[in-house]
Amino acid sequence: MRQRRALLVAVVVLALTVAQLAVGAFAGLEQYDGKGFGYRLAVYPLLMLLLPAVWWWRTRDASTLPWGAFALVMAPFLVDVTGNTLDLYDSIDAWDNVNHFANWLLLLWGCGLLLARADVRPRWLLVVAITGLGAILAIGWELGEWYTFIRRGTELDGAYEDTLSDELLGTLGAFVAAMIVERTTRRS
C-alpha cells in the first residue's frame, strides 16, 4: 500500500510538472519569457525519469522501485516550474534563494535514500557523498541556467553573485538532506 501511494505521488508530480512545462513553452505568458521553457520541456521529464529507469533496468523488478525516494527527486522540478507559473521568482525577492536550498534538500534527500541502500561505512562517508553530489549537481545546474537563458538574457548583470549564492545554498540544502538521511537510515 505504501509503495502504491509513493508511486501515485511520483506520477502526480510528473504530470503536474509536464503540464506546467507545456504551458510555459507554448502559452506565451510573460512570466515564462526568456527562461528556457522549451529546453525545460525537453529535459525536465527526462531527468525526472532517469533514476527510476536506471533502477528498473538494473533490477528488472518494478515492485522494488523505491518510489518514495524517486518522488523526492522529482519534487524540485515541480517546485521550480510552479514558482515560475505563480511568478514567484519575480514577485518575491528571496524566492530564488529559498528555492535553491529547499530543492537541493528534497533532491539530495531522495538521492541520499538511494545511496543509503548501499550501506556505506563508515557512516560519515554517506554524509560526504550526499553533500558532494549536491555540490556537483548545483554547479551543473548553474551551468545549465547559464547556457539556456542567462548568457543571452536580461539577468546577466547579477548572474555571478546569483550563481555563487545558488551553489552555496544548494550545497547547504544537500548537507541538511545528508544529515536527515544519516539519522533516519541508521541501523542500530
N, C-alpha and C. Protein backbone atom coordinates (compact mmCIF):
# COMPACT_ATOMS: atom_id res chain seq x y z
N MET A 1 0.83 -1.20 0.00
CA MET A 1 0.00 0.00 0.00
C MET A 1 0.87 1.26 0.00
N ARG A 2 1.90 1.27 0.85
CA ARG A 2 2.79 2.42 0.93
C ARG A 2 3.51 2.64 -0.40
N GLN A 3 3.92 1.55 -1.03
CA GLN A 3 4.61 1.62 -2.32
C GLN A 3 3.70 2.21 -3.40
N ARG A 4 2.43 1.81 -3.40
CA ARG A 4 1.48 2.33 -4.38
C ARG A 4 1.22 3.82 -4.17
N ARG A 5 1.14 4.23 -2.90
CA ARG A 5 0.92 5.64 -2.59
C ARG A 5 2.11 6.47 -3.07
N ALA A 6 3.31 5.97 -2.84
CA ALA A 6 4.52 6.68 -3.28
C ALA A 6 4.57 6.76 -4.81
N LEU A 7 4.17 5.68 -5.50
CA LEU A 7 4.11 5.69 -6.96
C LEU A 7 3.10 6.74 -7.44
N LEU A 8 1.95 6.80 -6.79
CA LEU A 8 0.93 7.78 -7.16
C LEU A 8 1.46 9.21 -6.99
N VAL A 9 2.14 9.45 -5.89
CA VAL A 9 2.72 10.78 -5.67
C VAL A 9 3.71 11.11 -6.79
N ALA A 10 4.59 10.18 -7.14
CA ALA A 10 5.57 10.41 -8.21
C ALA A 10 4.88 10.70 -9.54
N VAL A 11 3.82 9.96 -9.85
CA VAL A 11 3.10 10.17 -11.11
C VAL A 11 2.42 11.54 -11.13
N VAL A 12 1.81 11.93 -10.02
CA VAL A 12 1.15 13.24 -9.94
C VAL A 12 2.18 14.36 -10.08
N VAL A 13 3.32 14.23 -9.41
CA VAL A 13 4.38 15.24 -9.51
C VAL A 13 4.85 15.36 -10.95
N LEU A 14 5.07 14.24 -11.61
CA LEU A 14 5.50 14.25 -13.01
C LEU A 14 4.44 14.90 -13.90
N ALA A 15 3.19 14.51 -13.74
CA ALA A 15 2.10 15.05 -14.58
C ALA A 15 1.93 16.56 -14.39
N LEU A 16 1.94 17.02 -13.14
CA LEU A 16 1.80 18.45 -12.89
C LEU A 16 2.98 19.24 -13.45
N THR A 17 4.16 18.67 -13.37
CA THR A 17 5.34 19.34 -13.90
C THR A 17 5.26 19.45 -15.42
N VAL A 18 4.95 18.36 -16.08
CA VAL A 18 4.88 18.36 -17.55
C VAL A 18 3.77 19.29 -18.04
N ALA A 19 2.63 19.29 -17.37
CA ALA A 19 1.53 20.18 -17.78
C ALA A 19 1.96 21.65 -17.69
N GLN A 20 2.62 22.02 -16.60
CA GLN A 20 3.08 23.41 -16.46
C GLN A 20 4.20 23.74 -17.44
N LEU A 21 5.05 22.78 -17.72
CA LEU A 21 6.11 22.99 -18.71
C LEU A 21 5.52 23.27 -20.08
N ALA A 22 4.48 22.53 -20.45
CA ALA A 22 3.84 22.73 -21.75
C ALA A 22 3.22 24.13 -21.82
N VAL A 23 2.56 24.55 -20.75
CA VAL A 23 2.00 25.90 -20.71
C VAL A 23 3.13 26.92 -20.85
N GLY A 24 4.21 26.71 -20.10
CA GLY A 24 5.34 27.64 -20.15
C GLY A 24 5.98 27.72 -21.52
N ALA A 25 6.06 26.59 -22.22
CA ALA A 25 6.72 26.56 -23.52
C ALA A 25 5.84 27.13 -24.63
N PHE A 26 4.52 26.98 -24.51
CA PHE A 26 3.66 27.31 -25.64
C PHE A 26 2.63 28.41 -25.42
N ALA A 27 2.37 28.82 -24.16
CA ALA A 27 1.29 29.77 -23.91
C ALA A 27 1.67 31.22 -24.16
N GLY A 28 2.95 31.53 -24.18
CA GLY A 28 3.38 32.90 -24.43
C GLY A 28 3.12 33.85 -23.28
N LEU A 29 3.05 33.33 -22.06
CA LEU A 29 2.81 34.18 -20.90
C LEU A 29 4.12 34.85 -20.46
N GLU A 30 4.01 36.05 -19.93
CA GLU A 30 5.16 36.88 -19.62
C GLU A 30 6.12 36.25 -18.60
N GLN A 31 5.60 35.57 -17.58
CA GLN A 31 6.49 35.04 -16.54
C GLN A 31 7.41 33.93 -17.04
N TYR A 32 7.14 33.40 -18.22
CA TYR A 32 7.97 32.34 -18.79
C TYR A 32 8.99 32.87 -19.80
N ASP A 33 8.87 34.14 -20.18
CA ASP A 33 9.74 34.70 -21.21
C ASP A 33 11.21 34.64 -20.80
N GLY A 34 12.04 34.15 -21.71
CA GLY A 34 13.48 34.13 -21.51
C GLY A 34 13.97 33.18 -20.45
N LYS A 35 13.18 32.19 -20.08
CA LYS A 35 13.57 31.27 -19.00
C LYS A 35 13.76 29.84 -19.49
N GLY A 36 13.92 29.67 -20.79
CA GLY A 36 14.29 28.38 -21.35
C GLY A 36 13.25 27.29 -21.20
N PHE A 37 11.97 27.62 -21.32
CA PHE A 37 10.95 26.59 -21.10
C PHE A 37 10.89 25.55 -22.22
N GLY A 38 11.36 25.89 -23.40
CA GLY A 38 11.47 24.87 -24.45
C GLY A 38 12.49 23.81 -24.05
N TYR A 39 13.64 24.26 -23.54
CA TYR A 39 14.65 23.32 -23.04
C TYR A 39 14.11 22.52 -21.86
N ARG A 40 13.45 23.22 -20.95
CA ARG A 40 12.93 22.55 -19.76
C ARG A 40 11.92 21.46 -20.12
N LEU A 41 11.06 21.76 -21.10
CA LEU A 41 10.06 20.76 -21.51
C LEU A 41 10.74 19.52 -22.05
N ALA A 42 11.86 19.68 -22.70
CA ALA A 42 12.59 18.52 -23.23
C ALA A 42 13.39 17.80 -22.15
N VAL A 43 13.99 18.55 -21.21
CA VAL A 43 14.96 17.97 -20.28
C VAL A 43 14.35 17.54 -18.95
N TYR A 44 13.44 18.32 -18.38
CA TYR A 44 12.93 18.00 -17.04
C TYR A 44 12.29 16.60 -16.96
N PRO A 45 11.38 16.24 -17.87
CA PRO A 45 10.82 14.88 -17.76
C PRO A 45 11.88 13.79 -17.87
N LEU A 46 12.89 14.00 -18.71
CA LEU A 46 13.98 13.02 -18.81
C LEU A 46 14.73 12.90 -17.50
N LEU A 47 15.05 14.02 -16.89
CA LEU A 47 15.76 14.00 -15.62
C LEU A 47 14.91 13.38 -14.52
N MET A 48 13.61 13.66 -14.55
CA MET A 48 12.72 13.12 -13.53
C MET A 48 12.58 11.60 -13.63
N LEU A 49 12.69 11.08 -14.85
CA LEU A 49 12.50 9.63 -15.05
C LEU A 49 13.82 8.87 -15.14
N LEU A 50 14.94 9.57 -15.10
CA LEU A 50 16.24 8.92 -15.25
C LEU A 50 16.51 7.88 -14.15
N LEU A 51 16.40 8.27 -12.89
CA LEU A 51 16.68 7.32 -11.81
C LEU A 51 15.72 6.14 -11.80
N PRO A 52 14.40 6.35 -11.93
CA PRO A 52 13.52 5.16 -11.98
C PRO A 52 13.86 4.24 -13.15
N ALA A 53 14.22 4.80 -14.30
CA ALA A 53 14.56 3.97 -15.46
C ALA A 53 15.83 3.17 -15.22
N VAL A 54 16.84 3.82 -14.68
CA VAL A 54 18.10 3.11 -14.40
C VAL A 54 17.88 2.06 -13.33
N TRP A 55 17.12 2.41 -12.29
CA TRP A 55 16.86 1.44 -11.22
C TRP A 55 16.12 0.24 -11.77
N TRP A 56 15.09 0.47 -12.59
CA TRP A 56 14.35 -0.66 -13.17
C TRP A 56 15.26 -1.48 -14.08
N TRP A 57 16.07 -0.82 -14.90
CA TRP A 57 16.96 -1.51 -15.82
C TRP A 57 17.93 -2.42 -15.05
N ARG A 58 18.41 -1.95 -13.90
CA ARG A 58 19.36 -2.74 -13.11
C ARG A 58 18.68 -3.89 -12.37
N THR A 59 17.43 -3.69 -11.92
CA THR A 59 16.78 -4.73 -11.11
C THR A 59 15.78 -5.57 -11.89
N ARG A 60 15.19 -5.01 -12.94
CA ARG A 60 14.12 -5.66 -13.72
C ARG A 60 12.94 -6.08 -12.86
N ASP A 61 12.74 -5.38 -11.75
CA ASP A 61 11.65 -5.71 -10.84
C ASP A 61 10.93 -4.43 -10.45
N ALA A 62 9.81 -4.15 -11.10
CA ALA A 62 9.07 -2.92 -10.86
C ALA A 62 8.52 -2.85 -9.44
N SER A 63 8.32 -3.96 -8.79
CA SER A 63 7.75 -3.96 -7.45
C SER A 63 8.73 -3.46 -6.39
N THR A 64 10.02 -3.42 -6.72
CA THR A 64 11.02 -2.98 -5.74
C THR A 64 11.48 -1.55 -5.95
N LEU A 65 10.90 -0.85 -6.91
CA LEU A 65 11.32 0.53 -7.16
C LEU A 65 10.98 1.40 -5.95
N PRO A 66 11.96 2.13 -5.43
CA PRO A 66 11.73 2.99 -4.25
C PRO A 66 11.08 4.32 -4.64
N TRP A 67 9.77 4.27 -4.88
CA TRP A 67 9.06 5.43 -5.40
C TRP A 67 9.06 6.61 -4.45
N GLY A 68 9.15 6.38 -3.16
CA GLY A 68 9.23 7.49 -2.21
C GLY A 68 10.48 8.33 -2.46
N ALA A 69 11.61 7.68 -2.63
CA ALA A 69 12.86 8.38 -2.94
C ALA A 69 12.76 9.06 -4.30
N PHE A 70 12.18 8.37 -5.28
CA PHE A 70 12.04 8.96 -6.61
C PHE A 70 11.14 10.19 -6.58
N ALA A 71 10.07 10.15 -5.79
CA ALA A 71 9.17 11.31 -5.68
C ALA A 71 9.92 12.51 -5.09
N LEU A 72 10.79 12.27 -4.11
CA LEU A 72 11.60 13.36 -3.56
C LEU A 72 12.53 13.93 -4.62
N VAL A 73 13.11 13.08 -5.45
CA VAL A 73 14.00 13.54 -6.52
C VAL A 73 13.21 14.35 -7.56
N MET A 74 11.99 13.97 -7.83
CA MET A 74 11.16 14.66 -8.82
C MET A 74 10.58 15.98 -8.31
N ALA A 75 10.35 16.07 -7.02
CA ALA A 75 9.66 17.23 -6.44
C ALA A 75 10.31 18.58 -6.77
N PRO A 76 11.63 18.72 -6.76
CA PRO A 76 12.20 20.03 -7.07
C PRO A 76 11.86 20.56 -8.46
N PHE A 77 11.67 19.67 -9.40
CA PHE A 77 11.29 20.11 -10.75
C PHE A 77 9.90 20.74 -10.72
N LEU A 78 9.00 20.13 -9.97
CA LEU A 78 7.66 20.69 -9.81
C LEU A 78 7.71 22.03 -9.08
N VAL A 79 8.50 22.11 -8.02
CA VAL A 79 8.61 23.35 -7.26
C VAL A 79 9.15 24.47 -8.15
N ASP A 80 10.17 24.16 -8.95
CA ASP A 80 10.77 25.16 -9.83
C ASP A 80 9.75 25.67 -10.85
N VAL A 81 9.07 24.77 -11.52
CA VAL A 81 8.10 25.15 -12.55
C VAL A 81 6.92 25.90 -11.93
N THR A 82 6.46 25.45 -10.78
CA THR A 82 5.34 26.12 -10.11
C THR A 82 5.75 27.52 -9.68
N GLY A 83 7.00 27.69 -9.25
CA GLY A 83 7.50 29.03 -8.91
C GLY A 83 7.42 29.97 -10.09
N ASN A 84 7.71 29.46 -11.28
CA ASN A 84 7.58 30.28 -12.49
C ASN A 84 6.12 30.51 -12.85
N THR A 85 5.30 29.49 -12.73
CA THR A 85 3.88 29.62 -13.06
C THR A 85 3.21 30.68 -12.19
N LEU A 86 3.55 30.69 -10.91
CA LEU A 86 2.96 31.67 -9.98
C LEU A 86 3.75 32.98 -9.94
N ASP A 87 4.75 33.08 -10.79
CA ASP A 87 5.59 34.28 -10.92
C ASP A 87 6.29 34.63 -9.60
N LEU A 88 6.67 33.62 -8.83
CA LEU A 88 7.30 33.83 -7.53
C LEU A 88 8.74 34.32 -7.66
N TYR A 89 9.42 33.93 -8.73
CA TYR A 89 10.81 34.37 -8.91
C TYR A 89 10.90 35.87 -9.09
N ASP A 90 9.90 36.46 -9.73
CA ASP A 90 9.92 37.89 -9.99
C ASP A 90 9.16 38.71 -8.95
N SER A 91 8.29 38.07 -8.17
CA SER A 91 7.47 38.83 -7.22
C SER A 91 7.95 38.71 -5.77
N ILE A 92 8.77 37.72 -5.45
CA ILE A 92 9.29 37.55 -4.09
C ILE A 92 10.81 37.51 -4.18
N ASP A 93 11.47 38.51 -3.61
CA ASP A 93 12.93 38.64 -3.74
C ASP A 93 13.68 37.39 -3.27
N ALA A 94 13.28 36.81 -2.16
CA ALA A 94 14.02 35.69 -1.58
C ALA A 94 13.65 34.34 -2.20
N TRP A 95 12.68 34.30 -3.11
CA TRP A 95 12.20 33.02 -3.63
C TRP A 95 13.32 32.18 -4.25
N ASP A 96 14.15 32.76 -5.06
CA ASP A 96 15.21 32.00 -5.73
C ASP A 96 16.14 31.36 -4.70
N ASN A 97 16.50 32.09 -3.66
CA ASN A 97 17.40 31.55 -2.64
C ASN A 97 16.73 30.44 -1.84
N VAL A 98 15.51 30.67 -1.38
CA VAL A 98 14.79 29.64 -0.63
C VAL A 98 14.60 28.41 -1.50
N ASN A 99 14.29 28.64 -2.78
CA ASN A 99 14.07 27.56 -3.73
C ASN A 99 15.32 26.70 -3.90
N HIS A 100 16.48 27.32 -4.04
CA HIS A 100 17.71 26.53 -4.22
C HIS A 100 18.01 25.69 -2.99
N PHE A 101 17.85 26.25 -1.81
CA PHE A 101 18.08 25.47 -0.59
C PHE A 101 17.09 24.32 -0.48
N ALA A 102 15.79 24.64 -0.59
CA ALA A 102 14.75 23.63 -0.41
C ALA A 102 14.78 22.56 -1.50
N ASN A 103 15.00 22.96 -2.74
CA ASN A 103 15.02 21.97 -3.82
C ASN A 103 16.20 21.03 -3.70
N TRP A 104 17.35 21.55 -3.30
CA TRP A 104 18.50 20.65 -3.13
C TRP A 104 18.30 19.75 -1.91
N LEU A 105 17.63 20.26 -0.89
CA LEU A 105 17.29 19.40 0.24
C LEU A 105 16.44 18.23 -0.23
N LEU A 106 15.38 18.51 -0.98
CA LEU A 106 14.50 17.45 -1.48
C LEU A 106 15.23 16.50 -2.42
N LEU A 107 15.93 17.07 -3.40
CA LEU A 107 16.64 16.27 -4.39
C LEU A 107 17.65 15.33 -3.75
N LEU A 108 18.46 15.86 -2.85
CA LEU A 108 19.51 15.05 -2.24
C LEU A 108 18.99 14.16 -1.13
N TRP A 109 17.85 14.49 -0.57
CA TRP A 109 17.20 13.58 0.37
C TRP A 109 16.81 12.31 -0.39
N GLY A 110 16.19 12.50 -1.55
CA GLY A 110 15.82 11.34 -2.37
C GLY A 110 17.04 10.56 -2.84
N CYS A 111 18.03 11.27 -3.38
CA CYS A 111 19.26 10.59 -3.83
C CYS A 111 19.96 9.92 -2.65
N GLY A 112 19.96 10.60 -1.50
CA GLY A 112 20.59 10.04 -0.31
C GLY A 112 19.92 8.76 0.16
N LEU A 113 18.59 8.70 0.08
CA LEU A 113 17.90 7.46 0.45
C LEU A 113 18.32 6.31 -0.47
N LEU A 114 18.56 6.63 -1.73
CA LEU A 114 19.03 5.61 -2.66
C LEU A 114 20.47 5.19 -2.33
N LEU A 115 21.33 6.15 -2.03
CA LEU A 115 22.71 5.85 -1.66
C LEU A 115 22.79 5.06 -0.35
N ALA A 116 21.90 5.37 0.58
CA ALA A 116 21.92 4.70 1.88
C ALA A 116 21.63 3.20 1.76
N ARG A 117 21.00 2.79 0.69
CA ARG A 117 20.73 1.37 0.47
C ARG A 117 22.02 0.58 0.27
N ALA A 118 23.10 1.28 -0.08
CA ALA A 118 24.39 0.61 -0.28
C ALA A 118 25.09 0.33 1.04
N ASP A 119 24.53 0.74 2.18
CA ASP A 119 25.09 0.51 3.49
C ASP A 119 26.54 1.01 3.56
N VAL A 120 26.69 2.29 3.28
CA VAL A 120 28.00 2.94 3.25
C VAL A 120 28.61 2.94 4.66
N ARG A 121 29.87 2.53 4.74
CA ARG A 121 30.61 2.52 6.01
C ARG A 121 31.95 3.19 5.81
N PRO A 122 32.43 3.96 6.70
CA PRO A 122 31.76 4.50 7.88
C PRO A 122 30.65 5.47 7.47
N ARG A 123 29.71 5.68 8.38
CA ARG A 123 28.51 6.46 8.07
C ARG A 123 28.80 7.89 7.67
N TRP A 124 29.88 8.48 8.16
CA TRP A 124 30.18 9.87 7.80
C TRP A 124 30.47 9.99 6.31
N LEU A 125 30.89 8.89 5.67
CA LEU A 125 31.12 8.93 4.22
C LEU A 125 29.81 9.13 3.45
N LEU A 126 28.72 8.65 4.01
CA LEU A 126 27.41 8.86 3.39
C LEU A 126 27.08 10.36 3.37
N VAL A 127 27.36 11.04 4.48
CA VAL A 127 27.12 12.48 4.55
C VAL A 127 27.99 13.21 3.53
N VAL A 128 29.26 12.82 3.44
CA VAL A 128 30.17 13.45 2.47
C VAL A 128 29.71 13.18 1.04
N ALA A 129 29.29 11.95 0.77
CA ALA A 129 28.86 11.59 -0.59
C ALA A 129 27.61 12.37 -1.00
N ILE A 130 26.64 12.46 -0.12
CA ILE A 130 25.40 13.18 -0.44
C ILE A 130 25.67 14.67 -0.62
N THR A 131 26.45 15.24 0.29
CA THR A 131 26.77 16.67 0.20
C THR A 131 27.59 16.95 -1.06
N GLY A 132 28.57 16.11 -1.34
CA GLY A 132 29.40 16.29 -2.53
C GLY A 132 28.59 16.17 -3.81
N LEU A 133 27.68 15.19 -3.86
CA LEU A 133 26.80 15.05 -5.02
C LEU A 133 25.94 16.30 -5.18
N GLY A 134 25.46 16.84 -4.06
CA GLY A 134 24.66 18.06 -4.12
C GLY A 134 25.45 19.24 -4.66
N ALA A 135 26.72 19.36 -4.25
CA ALA A 135 27.56 20.45 -4.75
C ALA A 135 27.80 20.30 -6.25
N ILE A 136 28.09 19.09 -6.68
CA ILE A 136 28.31 18.84 -8.11
C ILE A 136 27.05 19.15 -8.92
N LEU A 137 25.89 18.72 -8.42
CA LEU A 137 24.63 18.99 -9.12
C LEU A 137 24.30 20.48 -9.13
N ALA A 138 24.64 21.19 -8.04
CA ALA A 138 24.40 22.64 -8.01
C ALA A 138 25.25 23.35 -9.07
N ILE A 139 26.50 22.93 -9.21
CA ILE A 139 27.37 23.52 -10.24
C ILE A 139 26.81 23.20 -11.63
N GLY A 140 26.43 21.95 -11.85
CA GLY A 140 25.86 21.56 -13.14
C GLY A 140 24.58 22.32 -13.46
N TRP A 141 23.75 22.51 -12.45
CA TRP A 141 22.50 23.26 -12.64
C TRP A 141 22.79 24.69 -13.07
N GLU A 142 23.74 25.31 -12.39
CA GLU A 142 24.07 26.70 -12.72
C GLU A 142 24.67 26.81 -14.12
N LEU A 143 25.45 25.84 -14.53
CA LEU A 143 25.95 25.83 -15.91
C LEU A 143 24.80 25.72 -16.90
N GLY A 144 23.82 24.88 -16.58
CA GLY A 144 22.64 24.75 -17.43
C GLY A 144 21.84 26.04 -17.51
N GLU A 145 21.67 26.72 -16.37
CA GLU A 145 20.97 28.00 -16.37
C GLU A 145 21.72 29.01 -17.23
N TRP A 146 23.03 29.06 -17.06
CA TRP A 146 23.82 30.00 -17.85
C TRP A 146 23.65 29.72 -19.34
N TYR A 147 23.73 28.46 -19.74
CA TYR A 147 23.65 28.12 -21.15
C TYR A 147 22.27 28.41 -21.74
N THR A 148 21.22 28.08 -20.98
CA THR A 148 19.88 28.18 -21.56
C THR A 148 19.29 29.58 -21.55
N PHE A 149 19.56 30.38 -20.50
CA PHE A 149 18.90 31.68 -20.51
C PHE A 149 19.68 32.85 -19.92
N ILE A 150 20.78 32.63 -19.26
CA ILE A 150 21.49 33.77 -18.69
C ILE A 150 22.43 34.44 -19.69
N ARG A 151 23.17 33.66 -20.45
CA ARG A 151 24.21 34.23 -21.32
C ARG A 151 23.67 35.19 -22.37
N ARG A 152 22.44 35.04 -22.76
CA ARG A 152 21.86 35.95 -23.76
C ARG A 152 20.65 36.71 -23.22
N GLY A 153 20.43 36.59 -21.92
CA GLY A 153 19.21 37.17 -21.36
C GLY A 153 19.44 38.48 -20.63
N THR A 154 18.41 38.85 -19.91
CA THR A 154 18.42 40.13 -19.19
C THR A 154 19.01 40.01 -17.80
N GLU A 155 19.31 38.79 -17.34
CA GLU A 155 19.78 38.58 -15.97
C GLU A 155 21.30 38.51 -15.87
N LEU A 156 22.02 38.89 -16.90
CA LEU A 156 23.47 38.76 -16.93
C LEU A 156 24.17 39.64 -15.90
N ASP A 157 23.63 40.81 -15.60
CA ASP A 157 24.29 41.75 -14.69
C ASP A 157 24.56 41.15 -13.31
N GLY A 158 23.61 40.49 -12.71
CA GLY A 158 23.79 39.93 -11.37
C GLY A 158 24.05 38.44 -11.36
N ALA A 159 24.39 37.89 -12.53
CA ALA A 159 24.50 36.43 -12.65
C ALA A 159 25.61 35.85 -11.79
N TYR A 160 26.75 36.50 -11.69
CA TYR A 160 27.87 35.95 -10.94
C TYR A 160 27.51 35.78 -9.47
N GLU A 161 26.99 36.84 -8.87
CA GLU A 161 26.61 36.79 -7.46
C GLU A 161 25.48 35.79 -7.23
N ASP A 162 24.50 35.76 -8.12
CA ASP A 162 23.38 34.83 -8.00
C ASP A 162 23.87 33.39 -8.12
N THR A 163 24.78 33.14 -9.05
CA THR A 163 25.30 31.79 -9.24
C THR A 163 26.03 31.31 -7.99
N LEU A 164 26.87 32.16 -7.41
CA LEU A 164 27.59 31.76 -6.20
C LEU A 164 26.64 31.46 -5.05
N SER A 165 25.64 32.32 -4.85
CA SER A 165 24.70 32.07 -3.75
C SER A 165 23.86 30.83 -4.01
N ASP A 166 23.47 30.59 -5.26
CA ASP A 166 22.70 29.39 -5.59
C ASP A 166 23.51 28.13 -5.32
N GLU A 167 24.78 28.15 -5.69
CA GLU A 167 25.64 26.97 -5.44
C GLU A 167 25.84 26.74 -3.95
N LEU A 168 26.04 27.81 -3.19
CA LEU A 168 26.19 27.69 -1.74
C LEU A 168 24.92 27.14 -1.10
N LEU A 169 23.77 27.73 -1.45
CA LEU A 169 22.51 27.30 -0.85
C LEU A 169 22.15 25.87 -1.26
N GLY A 170 22.45 25.51 -2.50
CA GLY A 170 22.23 24.13 -2.93
C GLY A 170 23.08 23.16 -2.15
N THR A 171 24.32 23.51 -1.93
CA THR A 171 25.23 22.64 -1.16
C THR A 171 24.77 22.54 0.30
N LEU A 172 24.32 23.65 0.88
CA LEU A 172 23.80 23.61 2.25
C LEU A 172 22.54 22.75 2.34
N GLY A 173 21.66 22.89 1.34
CA GLY A 173 20.47 22.03 1.31
C GLY A 173 20.84 20.56 1.22
N ALA A 174 21.87 20.26 0.43
CA ALA A 174 22.34 18.88 0.31
C ALA A 174 22.90 18.38 1.63
N PHE A 175 23.62 19.25 2.35
CA PHE A 175 24.17 18.86 3.65
C PHE A 175 23.05 18.54 4.64
N VAL A 176 22.02 19.38 4.68
CA VAL A 176 20.89 19.11 5.58
C VAL A 176 20.22 17.79 5.19
N ALA A 177 20.05 17.56 3.89
CA ALA A 177 19.48 16.28 3.43
C ALA A 177 20.37 15.13 3.87
N ALA A 178 21.67 15.29 3.77
CA ALA A 178 22.61 14.24 4.17
C ALA A 178 22.45 13.92 5.66
N MET A 179 22.28 14.95 6.48
CA MET A 179 22.10 14.72 7.91
C MET A 179 20.78 14.00 8.18
N ILE A 180 19.73 14.36 7.45
CA ILE A 180 18.43 13.69 7.61
C ILE A 180 18.57 12.22 7.23
N VAL A 181 19.19 11.95 6.09
CA VAL A 181 19.35 10.57 5.63
C VAL A 181 20.20 9.77 6.61
N GLU A 182 21.28 10.37 7.08
CA GLU A 182 22.16 9.66 8.02
C GLU A 182 21.41 9.29 9.28
N ARG A 183 20.61 10.22 9.80
CA ARG A 183 19.86 9.96 11.04
C ARG A 183 18.73 8.96 10.84
N THR A 184 18.02 9.07 9.72
CA THR A 184 16.82 8.24 9.54
C THR A 184 17.11 6.85 8.99
N THR A 185 18.30 6.64 8.44
CA THR A 185 18.61 5.32 7.89
C THR A 185 19.63 4.56 8.73
N ARG A 186 20.03 5.15 9.84
CA ARG A 186 21.00 4.49 10.72
C ARG A 186 20.40 3.23 11.30
N ARG A 187 21.16 2.17 11.23
CA ARG A 187 20.72 0.90 11.82
C ARG A 187 21.34 0.75 13.19
N SER A 188 20.55 0.23 14.15
CA SER A 188 21.11 0.06 15.48
C SER A 188 21.94 -1.19 15.58
